[in-house]
Amino acid sequence: MSVLEVVGIAASHGLLQAVRGVDLSVAAGERLALVGANGAGKTTLLRTIAGIHRAASGQVRLDGRELGAEPAHRRVASGVALVPEGRRLFASMSVADNLRVATSAGRTGRWTFESVVEALPQLKPKLKSPAGSLSGGQQQAVAIGRALMTNPRVLLLDEVSLGLSPVAVDGVYASLAVVAREGTSMIVVEQDLRRVFAVSDRIACMLEGRVVASGDTTDMTRDEVMGHYFGHRAAATAGDGR
């Protein structure tokens, strides 16, 4: 059974429909990459799954249980954690306190303060430093660590590499590899297709609020994904009557 199921989810920003009837599922320990151009609806979809943005229709199910209208803090307590675009850390608080604040979710499991620091070794020398004084890559690691402290069943990561140097991105993805080995399910929004193919089990391509293609990374090519990314393949398929 899937850990996470998204069924017919729609979400709007005022009169703008940002997500249009999306269906997705993520199995235990699976890594799903969500790709698409800016404005495709990726961030709104993640925020809707996390309970930050209200769904207009559809269902989000965690381990078969429908989350209904549960707000974000209740979904965190149920096992859904979001690493948001821009990280959203408490800049004046220490790295250690940014991590420990997540224990308020009340979930126990594999991830403790000690195991998170072990998985994210770049944080160890910075635990007493204000989070706002860290580099972009280190701040991203704090945001991931904070989410892990809630012991999520599903980890949602929005624009993991945005604004980071290649070296910082390498460090972040090395940390995510450790998380993946622990069996945490993930949905990752990522623009770098090289990273997408390297770290994900499946890819879902979004265009204008819809999932227009999905498949295993072993069955899809970069050219196919790029075609769906910009709508070329969707338009060609419609023109062929397929």
C-alpha atoms as a PDB file:
ATOM      1  CA  MET A   1       0.000   0.000   0.000  1.00  0.00           C
ATOM      2  CA  SER A   2       1.165   3.529  -0.736  1.00  0.00           C
ATOM      3  CA  VAL A   3       2.321   5.640   2.178  1.00  0.00           C
ATOM      4  CA  LEU A   4       0.910   8.780   0.538  1.00  0.00           C
ATOM      5  CA  GLU A   5      -1.955   9.046  -1.938  1.00  0.00           C
ATOM      6  CA  VAL A   6      -3.113  12.263  -3.562  1.00  0.00           C
ATOM      7  CA  VAL A   7      -6.470  11.844  -5.292  1.00  0.00           C
ATOM      8  CA  GLY A   8      -7.990  14.504  -7.527  1.00  0.00           C
ATOM      9  CA  ILE A   9      -6.406  17.411  -5.655  1.00  0.00           C
ATOM     10  CA  ALA A  10      -7.280  20.886  -6.915  1.00  0.00           C
ATOM     11  CA  ALA A  11      -6.137  24.163  -5.380  1.00  0.00           C
ATOM     12  CA  SER A  12      -6.470  27.817  -6.299  1.00  0.00           C
ATOM     13  CA  HIS A  13      -5.015  31.233  -5.588  1.00  0.00           C
ATOM     14  CA  GLY A  14      -8.091  33.409  -5.789  1.00  0.00           C
ATOM     15  CA  LEU A  15      -9.462  32.988  -9.312  1.00  0.00           C
ATOM     16  CA  LEU A  16      -6.286  31.283 -10.534  1.00  0.00           C
ATOM     17  CA  GLN A  17      -6.496  27.489 -10.441  1.00  0.00           C
ATOM     18  CA  ALA A  18      -2.935  26.415  -9.678  1.00  0.00           C
ATOM     19  CA  VAL A  19      -3.467  22.656  -9.268  1.00  0.00           C
ATOM     20  CA  ARG A  20      -6.012  20.796 -11.383  1.00  0.00           C
ATOM     21  CA  GLY A  21      -7.117  17.313 -10.357  1.00  0.00           C
ATOM     22  CA  VAL A  22      -3.713  15.832  -9.526  1.00  0.00           C
ATOM     23  CA  ASP A  23      -3.339  12.141  -8.676  1.00  0.00           C
ATOM     24  CA  LEU A  24      -0.074  10.923  -7.124  1.00  0.00           C
ATOM     25  CA  SER A  25       1.119   8.107  -4.902  1.00  0.00           C
ATOM     26  CA  VAL A  26       4.378   7.427  -3.070  1.00  0.00           C
ATOM     27  CA  ALA A  27       5.371   4.019  -1.734  1.00  0.00           C
ATOM     28  CA  ALA A  28       7.379   3.348   1.410  1.00  0.00           C
ATOM     29  CA  GLY A  29      10.963   4.479   0.906  1.00  0.00           C
ATOM     30  CA  GLU A  30      10.261   5.787  -2.596  1.00  0.00           C
ATOM     31  CA  ARG A  31      11.696   9.028  -3.961  1.00  0.00           C
ATOM     32  CA  LEU A  32       9.401  10.869  -6.370  1.00  0.00           C
ATOM     33  CA  ALA A  33      10.761  13.889  -8.259  1.00  0.00           C
ATOM     34  CA  LEU A  34       8.257  16.571  -9.232  1.00  0.00           C
ATOM     35  CA  VAL A  35       9.412  18.647 -12.205  1.00  0.00           C
ATOM     36  CA  GLY A  36       7.960  21.439 -14.287  1.00  0.00           C
ATOM     37  CA  ALA A  37       8.486  25.048 -15.286  1.00  0.00           C
ATOM     38  CA  ASN A  38       7.857  27.958 -12.926  1.00  0.00           C
ATOM     39  CA  GLY A  39       4.120  28.317 -12.396  1.00  0.00           C
ATOM     40  CA  ALA A  40       3.381  24.655 -13.117  1.00  0.00           C
ATOM     41  CA  GLY A  41       1.827  24.221  -9.666  1.00  0.00           C
ATOM     42  CA  LYS A  42       4.563  22.237  -7.923  1.00  0.00           C
ATOM     43  CA  THR A  43       4.913  24.420  -4.825  1.00  0.00           C
ATOM     44  CA  THR A  44       1.157  24.816  -4.423  1.00  0.00           C
ATOM     45  CA  LEU A  45       0.759  21.037  -4.632  1.00  0.00           C
ATOM     46  CA  LEU A  46       3.359  20.450  -1.899  1.00  0.00           C
ATOM     47  CA  ARG A  47       1.822  23.133   0.308  1.00  0.00           C
ATOM     48  CA  THR A  48      -1.619  21.589  -0.190  1.00  0.00           C
ATOM     49  CA  ILE A  49      -0.352  18.132   0.749  1.00  0.00           C
ATOM     50  CA  ALA A  50       1.274  19.662   3.844  1.00  0.00           C
ATOM     51  CA  GLY A  51      -1.954  21.412   4.849  1.00  0.00           C
ATOM     52  CA  ILE A  52      -0.592  24.942   4.475  1.00  0.00           C
ATOM     53  CA  HIS A  53      -2.769  25.676   1.453  1.00  0.00           C
ATOM     54  CA  ARG A  54      -6.421  24.643   1.461  1.00  0.00           C
ATOM     55  CA  ALA A  55      -7.498  22.183  -1.218  1.00  0.00           C
ATOM     56  CA  ALA A  56     -10.549  23.141  -3.285  1.00  0.00           C
ATOM     57  CA  SER A  57     -11.322  19.463  -3.841  1.00  0.00           C
ATOM     58  CA  GLY A  58      -9.745  16.016  -3.671  1.00  0.00           C
ATOM     59  CA  GLN A  59      -8.157  13.928  -0.943  1.00  0.00           C
ATOM     60  CA  VAL A  60      -4.770  13.409   0.702  1.00  0.00           C
ATOM     61  CA  ARG A  61      -4.362   9.998   2.349  1.00  0.00           C
ATOM     62  CA  LEU A  62      -1.529   8.977   4.648  1.00  0.00           C
ATOM     63  CA  ASP A  63      -1.233   5.230   5.237  1.00  0.00           C
ATOM     64  CA  GLY A  64      -4.778   4.917   3.934  1.00  0.00           C
ATOM     65  CA  ARG A  65      -6.241   7.525   6.305  1.00  0.00           C
ATOM     66  CA  GLU A  66      -7.767  10.592   4.725  1.00  0.00           C
ATOM     67  CA  LEU A  67      -6.339  13.757   6.277  1.00  0.00           C
ATOM     68  CA  GLY A  68      -9.419  15.792   5.370  1.00  0.00           C
ATOM     69  CA  ALA A  69      -9.221  19.372   6.581  1.00  0.00           C
ATOM     70  CA  GLU A  70      -6.384  18.751   9.069  1.00  0.00           C
ATOM     71  CA  PRO A  71      -4.223  21.892   9.377  1.00  0.00           C
ATOM     72  CA  ALA A  72      -0.473  21.846   8.861  1.00  0.00           C
ATOM     73  CA  HIS A  73       0.530  21.204  12.487  1.00  0.00           C
ATOM     74  CA  ARG A  74      -1.787  18.197  12.664  1.00  0.00           C
ATOM     75  CA  ARG A  75      -0.343  16.803   9.451  1.00  0.00           C
ATOM     76  CA  VAL A  76       3.166  17.156  10.842  1.00  0.00           C
ATOM     77  CA  ALA A  77       2.020  15.188  13.882  1.00  0.00           C
ATOM     78  CA  SER A  78       0.573  12.568  11.519  1.00  0.00           C
ATOM     79  CA  GLY A  79       3.845  12.238   9.606  1.00  0.00           C
ATOM     80  CA  VAL A  80       3.958  14.780   6.750  1.00  0.00           C
ATOM     81  CA  ALA A  81       6.856  17.268   6.874  1.00  0.00           C
ATOM     82  CA  LEU A  82       7.657  20.058   4.411  1.00  0.00           C
ATOM     83  CA  VAL A  83      11.049  21.633   3.753  1.00  0.00           C
ATOM     84  CA  PRO A  84       9.775  24.869   2.180  1.00  0.00           C
ATOM     85  CA  GLU A  85      11.311  26.913  -0.581  1.00  0.00           C
ATOM     86  CA  GLY A  86      13.447  29.570   1.086  1.00  0.00           C
ATOM     87  CA  ARG A  87      13.996  27.361   4.162  1.00  0.00           C
ATOM     88  CA  ARG A  88      12.046  29.613   6.606  1.00  0.00           C
ATOM     89  CA  LEU A  89      14.410  29.171   9.560  1.00  0.00           C
ATOM     90  CA  PHE A  90      14.375  31.095  12.831  1.00  0.00           C
ATOM     91  CA  ALA A  91      17.362  33.234  11.892  1.00  0.00           C
ATOM     92  CA  SER A  92      18.230  34.542  15.366  1.00  0.00           C
ATOM     93  CA  MET A  93      17.947  31.150  17.062  1.00  0.00           C
ATOM     94  CA  SER A  94      20.829  28.710  17.187  1.00  0.00           C
ATOM     95  CA  VAL A  95      21.011  25.766  14.825  1.00  0.00           C
ATOM     96  CA  ALA A  96      20.430  23.427  17.774  1.00  0.00           C
ATOM     97  CA  ASP A  97      17.290  25.291  18.802  1.00  0.00           C
ATOM     98  CA  ASN A  98      16.001  25.318  15.216  1.00  0.00           C
ATOM     99  CA  LEU A  99      16.286  21.532  15.259  1.00  0.00           C
ATOM    100  CA  ARG A 100      14.812  21.023  18.721  1.00  0.00           C
ATOM    101  CA  VAL A 101      11.755  23.176  18.052  1.00  0.00           C
ATOM    102  CA  ALA A 102      10.481  20.398  15.779  1.00  0.00           C
ATOM    103  CA  THR A 103      10.136  17.975  18.698  1.00  0.00           C
ATOM    104  CA  SER A 104       6.857  19.748  19.497  1.00  0.00           C
ATOM    105  CA  ALA A 105       5.295  17.528  16.809  1.00  0.00           C
ATOM    106  CA  GLY A 106       5.429  14.762  19.406  1.00  0.00           C
ATOM    107  CA  ARG A 107       6.503  11.984  17.031  1.00  0.00           C
ATOM    108  CA  THR A 108       9.190   9.503  18.007  1.00  0.00           C
ATOM    109  CA  GLY A 109      11.283   7.235  15.834  1.00  0.00           C
ATOM    110  CA  ARG A 110      14.636   6.862  14.121  1.00  0.00           C
ATOM    111  CA  TRP A 111      15.393  10.567  13.985  1.00  0.00           C
ATOM    112  CA  THR A 112      16.653  12.184  17.177  1.00  0.00           C
ATOM    113  CA  PHE A 113      18.856  15.228  17.692  1.00  0.00           C
ATOM    114  CA  GLU A 114      21.933  12.997  17.731  1.00  0.00           C
ATOM    115  CA  SER A 115      21.006  10.961  14.641  1.00  0.00           C
ATOM    116  CA  VAL A 116      20.069  14.075  12.652  1.00  0.00           C
ATOM    117  CA  VAL A 117      23.431  15.710  13.408  1.00  0.00           C
ATOM    118  CA  GLU A 118      25.140  12.454  12.450  1.00  0.00           C
ATOM    119  CA  ALA A 119      23.299  12.394   9.114  1.00  0.00           C
ATOM    120  CA  LEU A 120      24.047  16.095   8.514  1.00  0.00           C
ATOM    121  CA  PRO A 121      27.679  16.397   9.648  1.00  0.00           C
ATOM    122  CA  GLN A 122      28.054  19.903   8.211  1.00  0.00           C
ATOM    123  CA  LEU A 123      25.895  21.107  11.124  1.00  0.00           C
ATOM    124  CA  LYS A 124      28.010  19.706  13.943  1.00  0.00           C
ATOM    125  CA  PRO A 125      30.455  22.646  14.193  1.00  0.00           C
ATOM    126  CA  LYS A 126      27.587  25.149  13.795  1.00  0.00           C
ATOM    127  CA  LEU A 127      25.127  23.974  16.468  1.00  0.00           C
ATOM    128  CA  LYS A 128      25.595  27.074  18.636  1.00  0.00           C
ATOM    129  CA  SER A 129      25.639  29.537  15.725  1.00  0.00           C
ATOM    130  CA  PRO A 130      22.573  31.602  14.758  1.00  0.00           C
ATOM    131  CA  ALA A 131      20.894  29.916  11.799  1.00  0.00           C
ATOM    132  CA  GLY A 132      20.891  33.220   9.923  1.00  0.00           C
ATOM    133  CA  SER A 133      24.699  33.358   9.952  1.00  0.00           C
ATOM    134  CA  LEU A 134      25.097  30.095   8.017  1.00  0.00           C
ATOM    135  CA  SER A 135      25.780  29.632   4.316  1.00  0.00           C
ATOM    136  CA  GLY A 136      22.898  28.727   2.010  1.00  0.00           C
ATOM    137  CA  GLY A 137      23.857  25.052   1.907  1.00  0.00           C
ATOM    138  CA  GLN A 138      24.171  24.870   5.678  1.00  0.00           C
ATOM    139  CA  GLN A 139      20.788  26.558   6.104  1.00  0.00           C
ATOM    140  CA  GLN A 140      19.221  24.029   3.749  1.00  0.00           C
ATOM    141  CA  ALA A 141      20.723  21.260   5.858  1.00  0.00           C
ATOM    142  CA  VAL A 142      19.160  22.832   8.973  1.00  0.00           C
ATOM    143  CA  ALA A 143      15.772  22.957   7.251  1.00  0.00           C
ATOM    144  CA  ILE A 144      16.056  19.286   6.282  1.00  0.00           C
ATOM    145  CA  GLY A 145      17.212  18.370   9.782  1.00  0.00           C
ATOM    146  CA  ARG A 146      14.305  20.262  11.350  1.00  0.00           C
ATOM    147  CA  ALA A 147      11.865  18.305   9.178  1.00  0.00           C
ATOM    148  CA  LEU A 148      13.559  15.005  10.052  1.00  0.00           C
ATOM    149  CA  MET A 149      13.199  15.785  13.761  1.00  0.00           C
ATOM    150  CA  THR A 150       9.452  15.277  13.300  1.00  0.00           C
ATOM    151  CA  ASN A 151      10.117  11.667  12.178  1.00  0.00           C
ATOM    152  CA  PRO A 152       8.077  12.025   8.990  1.00  0.00           C
ATOM    153  CA  ARG A 153       6.519   9.195   7.031  1.00  0.00           C
ATOM    154  CA  VAL A 154       6.755  11.476   3.986  1.00  0.00           C
ATOM    155  CA  LEU A 155       9.277  14.279   3.483  1.00  0.00           C
ATOM    156  CA  LEU A 156       8.325  17.029   1.023  1.00  0.00           C
ATOM    157  CA  LEU A 157      11.260  19.087  -0.295  1.00  0.00           C
ATOM    158  CA  ASP A 158      10.620  22.221  -2.343  1.00  0.00           C
ATOM    159  CA  GLU A 159      13.399  23.517  -4.632  1.00  0.00           C
ATOM    160  CA  VAL A 160      16.236  21.773  -2.814  1.00  0.00           C
ATOM    161  CA  SER A 161      19.074  23.306  -4.827  1.00  0.00           C
ATOM    162  CA  LEU A 162      17.634  26.758  -5.537  1.00  0.00           C
ATOM    163  CA  GLY A 163      20.237  29.496  -5.085  1.00  0.00           C
ATOM    164  CA  LEU A 164      22.963  27.142  -3.842  1.00  0.00           C
ATOM    165  CA  SER A 165      26.471  26.667  -5.181  1.00  0.00           C
ATOM    166  CA  PRO A 166      27.278  23.326  -6.844  1.00  0.00           C
ATOM    167  CA  VAL A 167      29.395  22.340  -3.839  1.00  0.00           C
ATOM    168  CA  ALA A 168      26.539  23.143  -1.444  1.00  0.00           C
ATOM    169  CA  VAL A 169      24.096  21.157  -3.585  1.00  0.00           C
ATOM    170  CA  ASP A 170      26.454  18.176  -3.493  1.00  0.00           C
ATOM    171  CA  GLY A 171      26.461  18.353   0.305  1.00  0.00           C
ATOM    172  CA  VAL A 172      22.682  18.594   0.547  1.00  0.00           C
ATOM    173  CA  TYR A 173      22.126  15.636  -1.755  1.00  0.00           C
ATOM    174  CA  ALA A 174      24.735  13.570   0.064  1.00  0.00           C
ATOM    175  CA  SER A 175      22.672  14.149   3.206  1.00  0.00           C
ATOM    176  CA  LEU A 176      19.461  13.189   1.413  1.00  0.00           C
ATOM    177  CA  ALA A 177      21.101   9.938   0.315  1.00  0.00           C
ATOM    178  CA  VAL A 178      21.548   9.068   3.989  1.00  0.00           C
ATOM    179  CA  VAL A 179      17.888   9.894   4.634  1.00  0.00           C
ATOM    180  CA  ALA A 180      16.808   7.735   1.692  1.00  0.00           C
ATOM    181  CA  ARG A 181      18.744   4.754   3.027  1.00  0.00           C
ATOM    182  CA  GLU A 182      16.687   5.018   6.219  1.00  0.00           C
ATOM    183  CA  GLY A 183      13.527   4.390   4.193  1.00  0.00           C
ATOM    184  CA  THR A 184      11.858   7.807   4.418  1.00  0.00           C
ATOM    185  CA  SER A 185       9.495   8.460   1.489  1.00  0.00           C
ATOM    186  CA  MET A 186      10.161  11.726  -0.354  1.00  0.00           C
ATOM    187  CA  ILE A 187       8.664  14.067  -2.905  1.00  0.00           C
ATOM    188  CA  VAL A 188      11.386  16.374  -4.225  1.00  0.00           C
ATOM    189  CA  VAL A 189      10.796  19.458  -6.370  1.00  0.00           C
ATOM    190  CA  GLU A 190      13.992  19.962  -8.339  1.00  0.00           C
ATOM    191  CA  GLN A 191      14.904  21.909 -11.486  1.00  0.00           C
ATOM    192  CA  ASP A 192      18.236  20.180 -12.127  1.00  0.00           C
ATOM    193  CA  LEU A 193      17.320  17.145 -14.253  1.00  0.00           C
ATOM    194  CA  ARG A 194      20.747  15.603 -13.742  1.00  0.00           C
ATOM    195  CA  ARG A 195      20.008  15.473 -10.033  1.00  0.00           C
ATOM    196  CA  VAL A 196      16.473  14.257 -10.689  1.00  0.00           C
ATOM    197  CA  PHE A 197      17.664  11.207 -12.611  1.00  0.00           C
ATOM    198  CA  ALA A 198      20.446  10.528 -10.088  1.00  0.00           C
ATOM    199  CA  VAL A 199      18.359  10.560  -6.904  1.00  0.00           C
ATOM    200  CA  SER A 200      14.743   9.697  -7.740  1.00  0.00           C
ATOM    201  CA  ASP A 201      12.931   6.424  -8.368  1.00  0.00           C
ATOM    202  CA  ARG A 202      10.084   8.037 -10.309  1.00  0.00           C
ATOM    203  CA  ILE A 203       9.412  11.351 -12.034  1.00  0.00           C
ATOM    204  CA  ALA A 204       6.124  13.242 -12.363  1.00  0.00           C
ATOM    205  CA  CYS A 205       6.020  16.137 -14.845  1.00  0.00           C
ATOM    206  CA  MET A 206       3.627  19.011 -14.162  1.00  0.00           C
ATOM    207  CA  LEU A 207       2.323  21.489 -16.706  1.00  0.00           C
ATOM    208  CA  GLU A 208      -0.296  24.177 -16.025  1.00  0.00           C
ATOM    209  CA  GLY A 209      -1.406  22.551 -12.779  1.00  0.00           C
ATOM    210  CA  ARG A 210      -1.694  18.998 -14.085  1.00  0.00           C
ATOM    211  CA  VAL A 211       0.527  15.926 -14.046  1.00  0.00           C
ATOM    212  CA  VAL A 212       1.030  15.321 -17.769  1.00  0.00           C
ATOM    213  CA  ALA A 213       3.461  12.404 -17.552  1.00  0.00           C
ATOM    214  CA  SER A 214       4.997  10.112 -14.960  1.00  0.00           C
ATOM    215  CA  GLY A 215       7.184   7.040 -14.921  1.00  0.00           C
ATOM    216  CA  ASP A 216      10.216   5.306 -13.493  1.00  0.00           C
ATOM    217  CA  THR A 217      13.493   7.120 -14.024  1.00  0.00           C
ATOM    218  CA  THR A 218      14.791   4.023 -15.800  1.00  0.00           C
ATOM    219  CA  ASP A 219      11.967   4.267 -18.364  1.00  0.00           C
ATOM    220  CA  MET A 220      12.112   7.999 -19.113  1.00  0.00           C
ATOM    221  CA  THR A 221      14.763   9.967 -20.961  1.00  0.00           C
ATOM    222  CA  ARG A 222      15.940  13.499 -20.347  1.00  0.00           C
ATOM    223  CA  ASP A 223      14.540  14.554 -23.742  1.00  0.00           C
ATOM    224  CA  GLU A 224      11.112  13.126 -22.870  1.00  0.00           C
ATOM    225  CA  VAL A 225      11.053  14.948 -19.552  1.00  0.00           C
ATOM    226  CA  MET A 226      12.156  18.206 -21.193  1.00  0.00           C
ATOM    227  CA  GLY A 227       9.409  17.812 -23.800  1.00  0.00           C
ATOM    228  CA  HIS A 228       6.770  17.464 -21.094  1.00  0.00           C
ATOM    229  CA  TYR A 229       8.429  20.228 -19.071  1.00  0.00           C
ATOM    230  CA  PHE A 230       7.795  22.772 -21.807  1.00  0.00           C
ATOM    231  CA  GLY A 231       4.590  21.199 -23.119  1.00  0.00           C
ATOM    232  CA  HIS A 232       6.049  20.090 -26.458  1.00  0.00           C
ATOM    233  CA  ARG A 233       5.264  16.399 -26.017  1.00  0.00           C
ATOM    234  CA  ALA A 234       1.804  17.103 -24.575  1.00  0.00           C
ATOM    235  CA  ALA A 235       0.966  19.238 -27.603  1.00  0.00           C
ATOM    236  CA  ALA A 236       2.351  16.649 -30.028  1.00  0.00           C
ATOM    237  CA  THR A 237       0.423  13.843 -28.345  1.00  0.00           C
ATOM    238  CA  ALA A 238      -2.821  15.841 -28.501  1.00  0.00           C
ATOM    239  CA  GLY A 239      -2.188  16.607 -32.181  1.00  0.00           C
ATOM    240  CA  ASP A 240      -1.689  12.920 -32.940  1.00  0.00           C
ATOM    241  CA  GLY A 241      -4.976  12.060 -31.236  1.00  0.00           C
ATOM    242  CA  ARG A 242      -3.222   9.959 -28.597  1.00  0.00           C
END
